[in-house]
């Protein structure tokens, strides 16, 4: 039984890790995507301020700038800046070798370029004569980058274009068959398992960008980013929840709906898993409304704030966008309210639920109990840097870091508290704080650090426990 549980956990960690690599190539470049989206929304012939001259920026940005940024980031993730340079160079091959925006190709060639130059450097390490290091470094990167570019141009580019065309045709067929709303049956549960960034930026956005380049907008940008399902659940907790869950719901509503950090509502669903039905119902009904009203965005809204959605909405599309969000909120709220009001079990507050879940996990896993005891033994003299980590390093971890940073300052301590993506955990981190579903990945990255698992970045008893330990 334990072996089966461990296998399932390993599979989930692997999926999260793969998804994190995909989204990790896009997330750092979201600013560039937003810049392209704003220029598109403003200056194309159907935009707010049509301008034939400025609209010339749209094509080169989506064809060259964005794929090259992804390719560079993918290579840099593997082998720092040197890997990024070779990855971007190799990406140019798939860009020139095709006639569509090469986001999928960039996600392939970027990491390949970084991996190839990394392996080459490892193979010649210690074998280059003194004085020839710069010559070998520059020419090796140039030669390998050139060869990969030729390979991408003649071989990989056409294959990726074929795959992209098949995927695009499949998506178009699903849309034409009015079956797109059913995608949220899978998207909503996957989001709660912290695959939201992987789904949005690793899968949906590349397909959506191709559609937006042709049609000026894409509904795929709205599938994962719609804040309606999460908003409905948080409103239900606000009205019908109990204890800490009810008290923290108003703040979570603001962070989720206005700030766009969707991870904030995941613990509320994990506390009462039946609420995933509310999220699915809201997601399906919202996408159905988007489909019915021909909604779509010009670029990916990130984070998934209502402000970001409206900023990426093309001229004349506000009613459709808002209608889908409102319908998703109403349906999610109705289902969540019904579940909360008819639940036979006594509703626990969020803090109690978190402690209970950790206790249950401790009984099943010696690792979890070891983590708990380890965190209780933290001493201030041993801790200089505390790191919050989440999948992207921009949302829930930033919130948690802000809360703990305030507690550290009020306690008169001098520890540094930062937040980062889980793939970029610094080697000098003394304490790493993650959501419990991501702790295994964090431990694999930094096995010697002290790891603390939390169920809710917004309100965890572990913060005060850590502060007390540091004071002692």
Protein backbone atom coordinates (compact mmCIF):
# COMPACT_ATOMS: atom_id res chain seq x y z
CA UNK A 1 0.00 0.00 0.00
CA UNK A 2 2.79 2.41 0.98
CA UNK A 3 4.64 1.51 -2.23
CA UNK A 4 1.57 2.40 -4.30
CA UNK A 5 1.24 5.75 -2.51
CA UNK A 6 4.94 6.47 -3.04
CA UNK A 7 4.68 5.61 -6.74
CA UNK A 8 1.74 7.97 -7.19
CA UNK A 9 3.66 10.67 -5.34
CA UNK A 10 6.71 10.13 -7.57
CA UNK A 11 4.58 10.39 -10.71
CA UNK A 12 2.99 13.62 -9.46
CA UNK A 13 6.42 15.09 -8.65
CA UNK A 14 7.73 14.18 -12.10
CA UNK A 15 4.72 15.75 -13.81
CA UNK A 16 5.11 18.87 -11.68
CA UNK A 17 8.81 19.06 -12.46
CA UNK A 18 8.26 18.68 -16.22
CA UNK A 19 5.46 21.22 -16.18
CA UNK A 20 7.62 23.57 -14.16
CA UNK A 21 10.35 23.44 -16.82
CA UNK A 22 7.83 24.25 -19.54
CA UNK A 23 6.31 27.18 -17.67
CA UNK A 24 9.75 28.24 -16.43
CA UNK A 25 10.74 29.11 -19.99
CA UNK A 26 7.74 31.41 -20.39
CA UNK A 27 7.14 32.97 -16.97
CA UNK A 28 10.30 35.14 -16.85
CA UNK A 29 9.33 36.59 -20.24
CA UNK A 30 5.70 37.41 -19.45
CA UNK A 31 6.52 41.13 -19.54
CA UNK A 32 7.54 40.82 -23.19
CA UNK A 33 4.36 38.89 -23.98
CA UNK A 34 2.28 41.62 -22.34
CA UNK A 35 4.16 44.30 -24.29
CA UNK A 36 3.39 42.44 -27.52
CA UNK A 37 -0.24 42.01 -26.46
CA UNK A 38 -0.68 45.71 -25.70
CA UNK A 39 0.91 46.77 -28.99
CA UNK A 40 -1.33 44.31 -30.80
CA UNK A 41 -4.48 45.46 -29.01
CA UNK A 42 -3.70 49.12 -29.71
CA UNK A 43 -2.30 49.33 -33.22
CA UNK A 44 -3.60 46.49 -35.43
CA UNK A 45 -6.38 47.51 -37.88
CA UNK A 46 -9.10 46.35 -35.46
CA UNK A 47 -7.37 47.82 -32.38
CA UNK A 48 -8.11 50.84 -30.22
CA UNK A 49 -5.68 53.14 -32.05
CA UNK A 50 -5.12 51.64 -35.51
CA UNK A 51 -1.73 52.66 -36.85
CA UNK A 52 -0.24 50.97 -39.89
CA UNK A 53 3.29 52.09 -39.08
CA UNK A 54 3.35 50.99 -35.42
CA UNK A 55 1.51 47.76 -36.27
CA UNK A 56 4.69 46.67 -38.09
CA UNK A 57 6.08 45.80 -34.65
CA UNK A 58 3.55 43.01 -34.10
CA UNK A 59 4.91 40.49 -36.61
CA UNK A 60 8.64 40.66 -35.76
CA UNK A 61 7.93 40.55 -32.04
CA UNK A 62 5.89 37.35 -32.21
CA UNK A 63 8.09 35.76 -34.87
CA UNK A 64 11.54 36.59 -33.52
CA UNK A 65 11.59 38.32 -30.13
CA UNK A 66 9.32 36.03 -28.10
CA UNK A 67 10.66 32.66 -29.37
CA UNK A 68 14.27 33.84 -28.95
CA UNK A 69 13.54 34.91 -25.37
CA UNK A 70 12.03 31.50 -24.65
CA UNK A 71 14.96 29.72 -26.28
CA UNK A 72 17.47 31.79 -24.29
CA UNK A 73 15.61 31.17 -21.01
CA UNK A 74 15.35 27.43 -21.73
CA UNK A 75 19.09 27.20 -22.34
CA UNK A 76 19.87 29.37 -19.32
CA UNK A 77 17.82 27.05 -17.08
CA UNK A 78 20.13 24.21 -18.10
CA UNK A 79 23.51 25.98 -18.17
CA UNK A 80 23.29 29.62 -17.14
CA UNK A 81 24.02 32.40 -19.66
CA UNK A 82 26.33 30.25 -21.80
CA UNK A 83 23.56 27.71 -22.25
CA UNK A 84 21.12 30.54 -22.95
CA UNK A 85 23.25 31.93 -25.77
CA UNK A 86 23.54 28.55 -27.50
CA UNK A 87 19.86 27.85 -26.87
CA UNK A 88 18.80 31.14 -28.47
CA UNK A 89 21.14 30.54 -31.42
CA UNK A 90 19.67 27.08 -32.00
CA UNK A 91 16.16 28.51 -31.72
CA UNK A 92 16.85 30.75 -34.70
CA UNK A 93 16.93 27.62 -36.85
CA UNK A 94 13.34 26.65 -36.10
CA UNK A 95 12.22 30.28 -36.48
CA UNK A 96 13.63 30.66 -39.99
CA UNK A 97 12.76 27.10 -40.98
CA UNK A 98 9.01 27.59 -40.48
CA UNK A 99 6.34 30.16 -41.25
CA UNK A 100 4.50 30.12 -37.91
CA UNK A 101 5.50 31.50 -34.47
CA UNK A 102 7.89 28.87 -33.11
CA UNK A 103 7.11 28.71 -29.39
CA UNK A 104 7.07 24.92 -29.20
CA UNK A 105 10.28 24.80 -31.23
CA UNK A 106 11.91 27.28 -28.84
CA UNK A 107 10.89 25.12 -25.87
CA UNK A 108 12.70 22.23 -27.55
CA UNK A 109 15.81 23.88 -28.97
CA UNK A 110 16.53 26.15 -25.99
CA UNK A 111 17.07 23.32 -23.48
CA UNK A 112 18.81 21.17 -26.11
CA UNK A 113 21.29 23.98 -26.81
CA UNK A 114 21.97 24.44 -23.09
CA UNK A 115 22.41 20.69 -22.57
CA UNK A 116 24.79 20.23 -25.52
CA UNK A 117 27.16 23.03 -24.50
CA UNK A 118 27.04 21.87 -20.87
CA UNK A 119 28.04 18.33 -21.84
CA UNK A 120 30.82 19.64 -24.09
CA UNK A 121 32.26 21.80 -21.32
CA UNK A 122 32.15 18.86 -18.92
CA UNK A 123 33.96 16.66 -21.46
CA UNK A 124 36.86 19.10 -21.96
CA UNK A 125 37.10 20.28 -18.37
CA UNK A 126 40.75 20.37 -17.30
CA UNK A 127 41.98 19.45 -20.79
CA UNK A 128 42.41 22.94 -22.29
CA UNK A 129 45.92 24.42 -22.14
CA UNK A 130 46.34 27.61 -20.18
CA UNK A 131 45.81 30.71 -22.31
CA UNK A 132 43.43 29.02 -24.73
CA UNK A 133 40.35 28.98 -22.47
CA UNK A 134 38.58 31.98 -24.05
CA UNK A 135 39.35 30.81 -27.57
CA UNK A 136 37.94 27.34 -26.88
CA UNK A 137 34.92 28.70 -25.01
CA UNK A 138 33.92 31.11 -27.75
CA UNK A 139 34.53 28.82 -30.70
CA UNK A 140 32.92 25.79 -29.06
CA UNK A 141 29.75 27.79 -28.38
CA UNK A 142 29.81 29.19 -31.91
CA UNK A 143 30.41 25.87 -33.66
CA UNK A 144 27.89 23.90 -31.59
CA UNK A 145 25.34 26.71 -31.84
CA UNK A 146 25.81 26.84 -35.62
CA UNK A 147 25.44 23.08 -36.02
CA UNK A 148 22.29 23.03 -33.86
CA UNK A 149 20.87 25.93 -35.87
CA UNK A 150 21.37 24.01 -39.12
CA UNK A 151 19.82 20.89 -37.58
CA UNK A 152 16.84 22.90 -36.34
CA UNK A 153 16.42 24.63 -39.70
CA UNK A 154 16.41 21.47 -41.81
CA UNK A 155 15.14 18.82 -39.44
CA UNK A 156 13.45 19.90 -36.23
CA UNK A 157 11.64 23.01 -37.49
CA UNK A 158 9.49 21.25 -40.11
CA UNK A 159 8.65 18.46 -37.64
CA UNK A 160 7.59 20.92 -34.95
CA UNK A 161 5.55 22.87 -37.49
CA UNK A 162 3.76 19.66 -38.43
CA UNK A 163 3.05 18.91 -34.78
CA UNK A 164 1.83 22.48 -34.24
CA UNK A 165 -0.49 22.22 -37.22
CA UNK A 166 -1.94 18.95 -35.92
CA UNK A 167 -2.48 20.40 -32.44
CA UNK A 168 -4.02 23.56 -33.87
CA UNK A 169 -6.35 21.51 -36.06
CA UNK A 170 -7.34 19.41 -33.04
CA UNK A 171 -8.09 22.49 -30.96
CA UNK A 172 -10.07 24.01 -33.83
CA UNK A 173 -12.08 20.79 -34.19
CA UNK A 174 -12.86 20.78 -30.47
CA UNK A 175 -13.96 24.42 -30.64
CA UNK A 176 -16.12 23.80 -33.71
CA UNK A 177 -17.72 20.80 -31.97
CA UNK A 178 -18.58 23.03 -28.99
CA UNK A 179 -16.66 20.67 -26.68
CA UNK A 180 -14.03 23.13 -25.41
CA UNK A 181 -15.82 23.66 -22.04
CA UNK A 182 -15.14 20.00 -21.19
CA UNK A 183 -11.42 20.79 -21.04
CA UNK A 184 -11.99 22.36 -17.63
CA UNK A 185 -12.92 18.97 -16.21
CA UNK A 186 -9.18 18.30 -16.37
CA UNK A 187 -7.83 21.84 -16.02
CA UNK A 188 -9.42 22.69 -12.66
CA UNK A 189 -8.15 19.62 -10.72
CA UNK A 190 -4.72 20.01 -12.34
CA UNK A 191 -4.55 23.63 -11.17
CA UNK A 192 -5.10 22.60 -7.55
CA UNK A 193 -2.18 20.17 -7.89
CA UNK A 194 0.00 23.19 -8.74
CA UNK A 195 0.12 22.49 -12.46
CA UNK A 196 -1.58 25.80 -13.26
CA UNK A 197 1.49 27.50 -14.70
CA UNK A 198 2.45 24.41 -16.68
CA UNK A 199 -1.00 24.16 -18.24
CA UNK A 200 -1.33 27.85 -19.00
CA UNK A 201 2.16 28.83 -20.12
CA UNK A 202 3.45 25.42 -21.21
CA UNK A 203 0.48 24.14 -23.23
CA UNK A 204 -2.35 26.61 -23.79
CA UNK A 205 -0.40 29.82 -24.42
CA UNK A 206 1.74 28.53 -27.32
CA UNK A 207 -1.40 27.28 -29.10
CA UNK A 208 -3.31 30.44 -28.23
CA UNK A 209 -0.56 32.73 -29.54
CA UNK A 210 -0.72 30.99 -32.91
CA UNK A 211 -4.47 31.54 -32.99
CA UNK A 212 -4.16 35.17 -31.91
CA UNK A 213 -1.59 35.83 -34.62
CA UNK A 214 -4.12 34.73 -37.25
CA UNK A 215 -7.46 35.79 -35.77
CA UNK A 216 -6.44 38.65 -33.47
CA UNK A 217 -7.61 36.83 -30.34
CA UNK A 218 -7.90 33.36 -28.79
CA UNK A 219 -10.30 31.81 -26.30
CA UNK A 220 -7.52 29.51 -25.09
CA UNK A 221 -6.05 32.42 -23.11
CA UNK A 222 -9.20 32.30 -20.93
CA UNK A 223 -9.37 28.58 -20.10
CA UNK A 224 -6.99 28.53 -17.12
CA UNK A 225 -6.83 32.21 -16.23
CA UNK A 226 -10.54 32.81 -15.58
CA UNK A 227 -10.69 33.95 -11.92
CA UNK A 228 -14.41 33.15 -11.67
CA UNK A 229 -14.26 29.55 -10.34
CA UNK A 230 -11.87 30.47 -7.52
CA UNK A 231 -13.76 33.65 -6.70
CA UNK A 232 -17.02 31.74 -6.28
CA UNK A 233 -15.44 29.28 -3.85
CA UNK A 234 -13.86 32.06 -1.76
CA UNK A 235 -17.15 33.98 -1.63
CA UNK A 236 -18.90 30.82 -0.42
CA UNK A 237 -16.36 30.45 2.38
CA UNK A 238 -16.81 34.14 3.22
CA UNK A 239 -20.56 33.64 3.70
CA UNK A 240 -20.89 30.02 4.81
CA UNK A 241 -17.46 28.97 6.05
CA UNK A 242 -16.37 28.75 9.68
CA UNK A 243 -13.34 29.63 11.76
CA UNK A 244 -10.17 30.86 10.13
CA UNK A 245 -11.36 29.86 6.66
CA UNK A 246 -14.22 32.35 6.94
CA UNK A 247 -11.98 35.04 8.42
CA UNK A 248 -9.26 34.78 5.77
CA UNK A 249 -11.63 34.47 2.79
CA UNK A 250 -12.17 38.26 2.28
CA UNK A 251 -8.43 38.88 2.05
CA UNK A 252 -8.05 35.88 -0.23
CA UNK A 253 -10.76 37.28 -2.51
CA UNK A 254 -8.76 40.48 -3.01
CA UNK A 255 -5.48 38.64 -3.58
CA UNK A 256 -7.11 36.18 -5.99
CA UNK A 257 -9.46 38.37 -8.01
CA UNK A 258 -7.57 41.67 -8.04
CA UNK A 259 -4.01 40.43 -7.54
CA UNK A 260 -4.38 37.44 -9.83
CA UNK A 261 -2.66 34.93 -7.53
CA UNK A 262 -4.89 31.90 -8.01
CA UNK A 263 -2.82 29.68 -5.71
CA UNK A 264 -4.48 31.43 -2.78
CA UNK A 265 -7.70 29.41 -3.12
CA UNK A 266 -6.07 26.01 -3.63
CA UNK A 267 -5.78 25.26 0.15
CA UNK A 268 -9.50 25.92 0.59
CA UNK A 269 -10.23 23.14 -1.91
CA UNK A 270 -7.60 20.85 -0.41
CA UNK A 271 -9.27 21.36 2.97
CA UNK A 272 -12.59 20.11 1.53
CA UNK A 273 -11.86 18.18 -1.70
CA UNK A 274 -15.53 18.02 -2.69
CA UNK A 275 -15.18 21.69 -3.63
CA UNK A 276 -13.29 20.64 -6.74
CA UNK A 277 -16.77 20.02 -8.18
CA UNK A 278 -17.53 23.70 -7.69
CA UNK A 279 -14.35 24.69 -9.49
CA UNK A 280 -15.11 22.33 -12.38
CA UNK A 281 -18.71 23.54 -12.65
CA UNK A 282 -17.56 27.16 -12.66
CA UNK A 283 -14.81 26.51 -15.20
CA UNK A 284 -17.06 24.60 -17.60
CA UNK A 285 -19.89 27.14 -17.42
CA UNK A 286 -17.46 30.04 -17.84
CA UNK A 287 -15.83 28.56 -20.95
CA UNK A 288 -19.28 27.70 -22.33
CA UNK A 289 -20.20 31.37 -21.97
CA UNK A 290 -16.93 32.46 -23.59
CA UNK A 291 -17.63 30.11 -26.50
CA UNK A 292 -21.22 31.28 -26.86
CA UNK A 293 -20.21 34.96 -26.97
CA UNK A 294 -17.05 34.44 -29.09
CA UNK A 295 -14.75 35.74 -26.36
CA UNK A 296 -10.99 35.80 -26.62
CA UNK A 297 -7.88 37.69 -25.53
CA UNK A 298 -5.00 39.05 -27.59
CA UNK A 299 -2.30 37.70 -25.26
CA UNK A 300 -1.83 35.77 -22.03
CA UNK A 301 -3.04 37.66 -18.94
CA UNK A 302 -0.47 37.11 -16.22
CA UNK A 303 -1.14 37.06 -13.39
CA UNK A 304 -4.78 35.98 -13.79
CA UNK A 305 -6.21 39.19 -12.36
CA UNK A 306 -9.44 40.70 -13.62
CA UNK A 307 -7.36 43.77 -14.51
CA UNK A 308 -5.01 41.67 -16.64
CA UNK A 309 -7.95 39.99 -18.37
CA UNK A 310 -9.49 43.33 -19.25
CA UNK A 311 -6.15 44.74 -20.41
CA UNK A 312 -5.74 41.83 -22.86
CA UNK A 313 -9.35 42.00 -24.10
CA UNK A 314 -9.66 43.29 -27.68
CA UNK A 315 -11.86 46.21 -28.61
CA UNK A 316 -15.53 45.23 -28.40
CA UNK A 317 -14.89 42.09 -26.33
CA UNK A 318 -15.45 43.33 -22.79
CA UNK A 319 -19.02 42.07 -22.44
CA UNK A 320 -18.04 38.54 -23.47
CA UNK A 321 -15.04 38.47 -21.12
CA UNK A 322 -16.94 39.82 -18.12
CA UNK A 323 -19.95 37.60 -18.81
CA UNK A 324 -17.79 34.46 -18.71
CA UNK A 325 -16.16 35.53 -15.45
CA UNK A 326 -19.51 36.40 -13.83
CA UNK A 327 -21.20 33.16 -14.91
CA UNK A 328 -18.24 31.09 -13.68
CA UNK A 329 -18.32 32.92 -10.35
CA UNK A 330 -22.08 32.46 -9.90
CA UNK A 331 -22.06 28.75 -10.74
CA UNK A 332 -18.99 28.05 -8.62
CA UNK A 333 -20.48 30.00 -5.72
CA UNK A 334 -23.79 28.12 -5.94
CA UNK A 335 -22.17 24.68 -5.94
CA UNK A 336 -19.64 25.57 -3.23
CA UNK A 337 -22.36 27.07 -1.02
CA UNK A 338 -24.43 23.91 -1.36
CA UNK A 339 -21.45 21.74 -0.41
CA UNK A 340 -20.52 23.89 2.58
CA UNK A 341 -24.09 24.15 3.91
CA UNK A 342 -24.95 20.46 3.50
CA UNK A 343 -21.64 19.06 4.69
CA UNK A 344 -22.27 16.64 7.57
CA UNK A 345 -18.82 17.02 9.04
CA UNK A 346 -18.09 19.90 11.36
CA UNK A 347 -16.25 22.56 9.42
CA UNK A 348 -12.72 23.01 10.68
CA UNK A 349 -10.90 26.28 10.46
CA UNK A 350 -7.95 26.48 8.08
CA UNK A 351 -5.30 26.34 10.77
CA UNK A 352 -6.81 23.24 12.40
CA UNK A 353 -7.19 21.56 9.03
CA UNK A 354 -3.58 22.30 8.18
CA UNK A 355 -2.33 20.84 11.46
CA UNK A 356 -4.54 17.78 11.06
CA UNK A 357 -3.36 17.16 7.50
CA UNK A 358 0.27 17.44 8.59
CA UNK A 359 -0.38 15.07 11.48
CA UNK A 360 -2.01 12.54 9.15
CA UNK A 361 0.85 12.86 6.73
CA UNK A 362 3.34 12.39 9.56
CA UNK A 363 1.74 9.07 10.48
CA UNK A 364 2.15 7.86 6.93
CA UNK A 365 5.61 9.24 6.23
CA UNK A 366 8.70 9.34 8.37
CA UNK A 367 10.05 12.07 6.08
CA UNK A 368 7.19 14.39 6.96
CA UNK A 369 7.64 13.87 10.70
CA UNK A 370 11.37 14.40 10.30
CA UNK A 371 10.69 17.70 8.61
CA UNK A 372 8.43 18.76 11.45
CA UNK A 373 10.96 17.91 14.14
CA UNK A 374 13.74 19.48 12.12
CA UNK A 375 11.90 22.79 11.85
CA UNK A 376 11.31 22.80 15.61
CA UNK A 377 15.06 22.62 16.21
CA UNK A 378 15.99 25.61 14.06
CA UNK A 379 18.32 28.03 15.85
CA UNK A 380 18.90 31.63 14.89
CA UNK A 381 22.67 31.10 14.75
CA UNK A 382 22.13 28.45 12.06
CA UNK A 383 19.82 30.49 9.86
CA UNK A 384 20.78 33.40 7.63
CA UNK A 385 18.46 32.96 4.64
CA UNK A 386 14.85 31.75 4.60
CA UNK A 387 13.45 31.02 1.15
CA UNK A 388 9.82 30.63 0.12
CA UNK A 389 9.45 28.62 -3.07
CA UNK A 390 6.52 27.97 -5.36
CA UNK A 391 6.27 26.80 -8.95
CA UNK A 392 6.79 30.19 -10.57
CA UNK A 393 8.30 32.10 -7.66
CA UNK A 394 6.01 35.09 -8.23
CA UNK A 395 2.65 34.34 -6.63
CA UNK A 396 1.96 32.42 -3.45
CA UNK A 397 5.61 32.32 -2.39
CA UNK A 398 5.82 36.12 -2.63
CA UNK A 399 2.80 36.41 -0.32
CA UNK A 400 4.26 34.00 2.22
CA UNK A 401 7.64 35.71 2.13
CA UNK A 402 6.00 39.09 2.76
CA UNK A 403 4.08 37.77 5.76
CA UNK A 404 7.11 36.07 7.34
CA UNK A 405 9.35 39.06 6.56
CA UNK A 406 7.03 41.26 8.62
CA UNK A 407 7.08 38.74 11.48
CA UNK A 408 10.90 38.60 11.38
CA UNK A 409 11.14 42.39 11.53
CA UNK A 410 8.63 42.69 14.38
CA UNK A 411 10.53 40.02 16.33
CA UNK A 412 13.76 42.00 15.97
CA UNK A 413 15.50 39.23 14.01
CA UNK A 414 17.87 39.81 11.11
CA UNK A 415 17.29 36.76 8.87
CA UNK A 416 16.86 37.40 5.15
CA UNK A 417 13.52 36.23 3.73
CA UNK A 418 13.13 35.91 -0.05
CA UNK A 419 10.92 34.08 -2.54
CA UNK A 420 11.91 32.24 -5.71
CA UNK A 421 10.85 29.57 -8.20
CA UNK A 422 11.43 26.05 -6.94
CA UNK A 423 13.81 25.34 -9.83
CA UNK A 424 15.97 28.32 -8.80
CA UNK A 425 16.45 27.58 -5.11
CA UNK A 426 19.74 29.19 -4.01
CA UNK A 427 22.44 26.94 -2.62
CA UNK A 428 22.84 29.11 0.48
CA UNK A 429 19.21 28.69 1.62
CA UNK A 430 19.10 27.55 5.25
CA UNK A 431 15.32 27.12 5.55
CA UNK A 432 13.03 26.38 2.61
CA UNK A 433 9.28 26.83 2.99
CA UNK A 434 6.98 25.28 0.37
CA UNK A 435 3.45 24.05 -0.03
CA UNK A 436 3.28 20.42 1.05
CA UNK A 437 2.65 19.26 -2.52
CA UNK A 438 5.97 20.80 -3.60
CA UNK A 439 8.17 19.84 -0.64
CA UNK A 440 9.49 16.64 -2.24
CA UNK A 441 10.80 18.61 -5.19
CA UNK A 442 12.40 21.19 -2.89
CA UNK A 443 14.10 18.43 -0.86
CA UNK A 444 15.49 16.87 -4.02
CA UNK A 445 16.90 20.27 -5.01
CA UNK A 446 18.39 21.16 -1.60
CA UNK A 447 18.60 18.02 0.54
CA UNK A 448 20.74 19.66 3.23
CA UNK A 449 18.44 22.60 3.95
CA UNK A 450 15.73 22.59 6.61
CA UNK A 451 12.37 22.12 4.85
CA UNK A 452 9.04 23.30 6.22
CA UNK A 453 5.74 22.28 4.59
CA UNK A 454 2.68 24.51 4.81
CA UNK A 455 -0.88 24.10 3.59
CA UNK A 456 -1.66 27.77 3.18
CA UNK A 457 0.91 30.49 2.51
CA UNK A 458 -1.52 33.14 3.73
CA UNK A 459 -2.11 31.71 7.20
CA UNK A 460 0.11 28.96 8.60
CA UNK A 461 0.92 28.20 12.24
CA UNK A 462 4.40 27.15 11.08
CA UNK A 463 5.40 30.81 10.71
CA UNK A 464 4.99 31.55 14.42
CA UNK A 465 6.66 28.23 15.31
CA UNK A 466 9.66 29.20 13.19
CA UNK A 467 9.86 32.69 14.72
CA UNK A 468 9.75 31.22 18.21
CA UNK A 469 12.50 28.76 17.33
CA UNK A 470 14.67 31.54 15.95
CA UNK A 471 14.15 33.62 19.09
CA UNK A 472 15.29 30.75 21.29
